[in-house]
Amino acid sequence: MDKNEKKDIKLEIQVDEQVACGQYVNLSIVNHNEGEFVVDCLFVQPQAPKARVTSRLIMSPKHAKRLLHVLAQNVDAYEKKFGPLTQNESAEDQDKPVH
């Protein structure tokens, strides 16, 4: 096999029931240092003075950039199908589903 040829690897992805149910997130906080990006995911309840981190993603800078690109592609596909999203929503509109 040529050194430049890549072997196709089939990855079997398994998701347990709790993870498959997902976590609703309406706030994300991103921090980084030289070696990693940390994305804290939170659910903020209306009128609540506190929010708890429900999930934390830790990834390499290269993976963070790949995630950035795949999210941009998916938002673009979403907007082509359902219409443009705006970023200056009021706090009341943030919890309403977009259809």
C-alpha atoms as a PDB file:
ATOM      1  CA  MET A   1       0.000   0.000   0.000  1.00  0.00           C
ATOM      2  CA  ASP A   2       1.245   3.461  -0.923  1.00  0.00           C
ATOM      3  CA  LYS A   3       2.135   5.619   2.088  1.00  0.00           C
ATOM      4  CA  ASN A   4      -0.149   8.396   0.799  1.00  0.00           C
ATOM      5  CA  GLU A   5      -3.191   6.102   0.598  1.00  0.00           C
ATOM      6  CA  LYS A   6      -5.471   6.253   3.606  1.00  0.00           C
ATOM      7  CA  LYS A   7      -7.188   3.154   4.850  1.00  0.00           C
ATOM      8  CA  ASP A   8     -10.977   3.538   5.143  1.00  0.00           C
ATOM      9  CA  ILE A   9     -11.889   3.020   8.774  1.00  0.00           C
ATOM     10  CA  LYS A  10     -15.503   2.376   9.680  1.00  0.00           C
ATOM     11  CA  LEU A  11     -16.344   3.883  13.033  1.00  0.00           C
ATOM     12  CA  GLU A  12     -19.221   2.379  14.960  1.00  0.00           C
ATOM     13  CA  ILE A  13     -20.749   5.072  17.140  1.00  0.00           C
ATOM     14  CA  GLN A  14     -22.612   3.965  20.240  1.00  0.00           C
ATOM     15  CA  VAL A  15     -24.848   6.207  22.336  1.00  0.00           C
ATOM     16  CA  ASP A  16     -26.317   5.130  25.644  1.00  0.00           C
ATOM     17  CA  GLU A  17     -29.927   6.092  26.442  1.00  0.00           C
ATOM     18  CA  GLN A  18     -29.128   8.970  28.790  1.00  0.00           C
ATOM     19  CA  VAL A  19     -26.784  10.614  26.275  1.00  0.00           C
ATOM     20  CA  ALA A  20     -29.217   9.979  23.403  1.00  0.00           C
ATOM     21  CA  CYS A  21     -31.900  11.975  25.229  1.00  0.00           C
ATOM     22  CA  GLY A  22     -29.617  15.003  25.091  1.00  0.00           C
ATOM     23  CA  GLN A  23     -29.365  18.126  27.197  1.00  0.00           C
ATOM     24  CA  TYR A  24     -31.215  21.323  26.332  1.00  0.00           C
ATOM     25  CA  VAL A  25     -28.795  24.252  26.295  1.00  0.00           C
ATOM     26  CA  ASN A  26     -29.652  27.922  25.956  1.00  0.00           C
ATOM     27  CA  LEU A  27     -26.296  29.381  27.000  1.00  0.00           C
ATOM     28  CA  SER A  28     -22.740  28.361  26.170  1.00  0.00           C
ATOM     29  CA  ILE A  29     -19.546  29.813  27.575  1.00  0.00           C
ATOM     30  CA  VAL A  30     -16.300  29.226  25.698  1.00  0.00           C
ATOM     31  CA  ASN A  31     -12.805  29.569  27.145  1.00  0.00           C
ATOM     32  CA  HIS A  32      -9.457  28.508  25.778  1.00  0.00           C
ATOM     33  CA  ASN A  33      -5.764  28.283  26.435  1.00  0.00           C
ATOM     34  CA  GLU A  34      -2.934  27.281  24.142  1.00  0.00           C
ATOM     35  CA  GLY A  35      -3.763  23.572  24.222  1.00  0.00           C
ATOM     36  CA  GLU A  36      -7.551  23.288  24.493  1.00  0.00           C
ATOM     37  CA  PHE A  37     -10.959  24.869  24.144  1.00  0.00           C
ATOM     38  CA  VAL A  38     -13.552  24.385  26.879  1.00  0.00           C
ATOM     39  CA  VAL A  39     -17.245  24.816  26.067  1.00  0.00           C
ATOM     40  CA  ASP A  40     -19.539  24.928  29.106  1.00  0.00           C
ATOM     41  CA  CYS A  41     -23.186  24.298  28.261  1.00  0.00           C
ATOM     42  CA  LEU A  42     -25.906  25.641  30.542  1.00  0.00           C
ATOM     43  CA  PHE A  43     -29.677  25.804  30.817  1.00  0.00           C
ATOM     44  CA  VAL A  44     -30.813  29.146  32.219  1.00  0.00           C
ATOM     45  CA  GLN A  45     -34.360  29.139  33.545  1.00  0.00           C
ATOM     46  CA  PRO A  46     -36.362  32.331  33.129  1.00  0.00           C
ATOM     47  CA  GLN A  47     -36.182  34.562  36.214  1.00  0.00           C
ATOM     48  CA  ALA A  48     -33.628  32.251  37.893  1.00  0.00           C
ATOM     49  CA  PRO A  49     -30.605  33.914  39.487  1.00  0.00           C
ATOM     50  CA  LYS A  50     -28.361  30.877  38.879  1.00  0.00           C
ATOM     51  CA  ALA A  51     -27.533  28.459  36.098  1.00  0.00           C
ATOM     52  CA  ARG A  52     -25.738  25.133  36.351  1.00  0.00           C
ATOM     53  CA  VAL A  53     -23.299  23.725  33.799  1.00  0.00           C
ATOM     54  CA  THR A  54     -25.022  20.628  32.420  1.00  0.00           C
ATOM     55  CA  SER A  55     -22.243  19.574  30.093  1.00  0.00           C
ATOM     56  CA  ARG A  56     -18.621  20.475  29.387  1.00  0.00           C
ATOM     57  CA  LEU A  57     -16.845  19.854  26.087  1.00  0.00           C
ATOM     58  CA  ILE A  58     -13.044  19.902  26.098  1.00  0.00           C
ATOM     59  CA  MET A  59     -11.297  19.743  22.740  1.00  0.00           C
ATOM     60  CA  SER A  60      -8.070  20.525  20.956  1.00  0.00           C
ATOM     61  CA  PRO A  61      -7.814  23.798  19.009  1.00  0.00           C
ATOM     62  CA  LYS A  62      -7.827  21.849  15.722  1.00  0.00           C
ATOM     63  CA  HIS A  63     -11.001  20.020  16.685  1.00  0.00           C
ATOM     64  CA  ALA A  64     -12.590  23.311  17.806  1.00  0.00           C
ATOM     65  CA  LYS A  65     -11.937  24.732  14.344  1.00  0.00           C
ATOM     66  CA  ARG A  66     -13.450  21.635  12.699  1.00  0.00           C
ATOM     67  CA  LEU A  67     -16.507  22.033  14.958  1.00  0.00           C
ATOM     68  CA  LEU A  68     -16.752  25.705  13.983  1.00  0.00           C
ATOM     69  CA  HIS A  69     -16.833  24.765  10.288  1.00  0.00           C
ATOM     70  CA  VAL A  70     -19.366  21.950  10.637  1.00  0.00           C
ATOM     71  CA  LEU A  71     -21.641  24.173  12.748  1.00  0.00           C
ATOM     72  CA  ALA A  72     -21.404  26.931  10.097  1.00  0.00           C
ATOM     73  CA  GLN A  73     -22.327  24.421   7.375  1.00  0.00           C
ATOM     74  CA  ASN A  74     -25.295  23.175   9.380  1.00  0.00           C
ATOM     75  CA  VAL A  75     -26.559  26.671  10.226  1.00  0.00           C
ATOM     76  CA  ASP A  76     -26.309  27.550   6.526  1.00  0.00           C
ATOM     77  CA  ALA A  77     -28.317  24.442   5.583  1.00  0.00           C
ATOM     78  CA  TYR A  78     -30.874  25.242   8.302  1.00  0.00           C
ATOM     79  CA  GLU A  79     -31.324  28.815   7.059  1.00  0.00           C
ATOM     80  CA  LYS A  80     -31.742  27.663   3.466  1.00  0.00           C
ATOM     81  CA  LYS A  81     -34.532  25.338   4.595  1.00  0.00           C
ATOM     82  CA  PHE A  82     -36.250  27.401   7.337  1.00  0.00           C
ATOM     83  CA  GLY A  83     -35.184  31.000   6.740  1.00  0.00           C
ATOM     84  CA  PRO A  84     -32.582  33.286   8.275  1.00  0.00           C
ATOM     85  CA  LEU A  85     -31.800  33.357  11.979  1.00  0.00           C
ATOM     86  CA  THR A  86     -31.217  36.673  13.714  1.00  0.00           C
ATOM     87  CA  GLN A  87     -28.714  37.257  16.495  1.00  0.00           C
ATOM     88  CA  ASN A  88     -30.379  40.209  18.171  1.00  0.00           C
ATOM     89  CA  GLU A  89     -33.374  38.376  19.631  1.00  0.00           C
ATOM     90  CA  SER A  90     -34.988  39.590  22.812  1.00  0.00           C
ATOM     91  CA  ALA A  91     -34.589  37.412  25.907  1.00  0.00           C
ATOM     92  CA  GLU A  92     -38.252  36.362  25.558  1.00  0.00           C
ATOM     93  CA  ASP A  93     -37.728  35.082  22.001  1.00  0.00           C
ATOM     94  CA  GLN A  94     -34.677  32.970  22.861  1.00  0.00           C
ATOM     95  CA  ASP A  95     -36.717  30.173  24.445  1.00  0.00           C
ATOM     96  CA  LYS A  96     -39.295  29.989  21.642  1.00  0.00           C
ATOM     97  CA  PRO A  97     -38.776  27.325  18.958  1.00  0.00           C
ATOM     98  CA  VAL A  98     -37.805  28.686  15.543  1.00  0.00           C
ATOM     99  CA  HIS A  99     -39.929  27.303  12.675  1.00  0.00           C
END
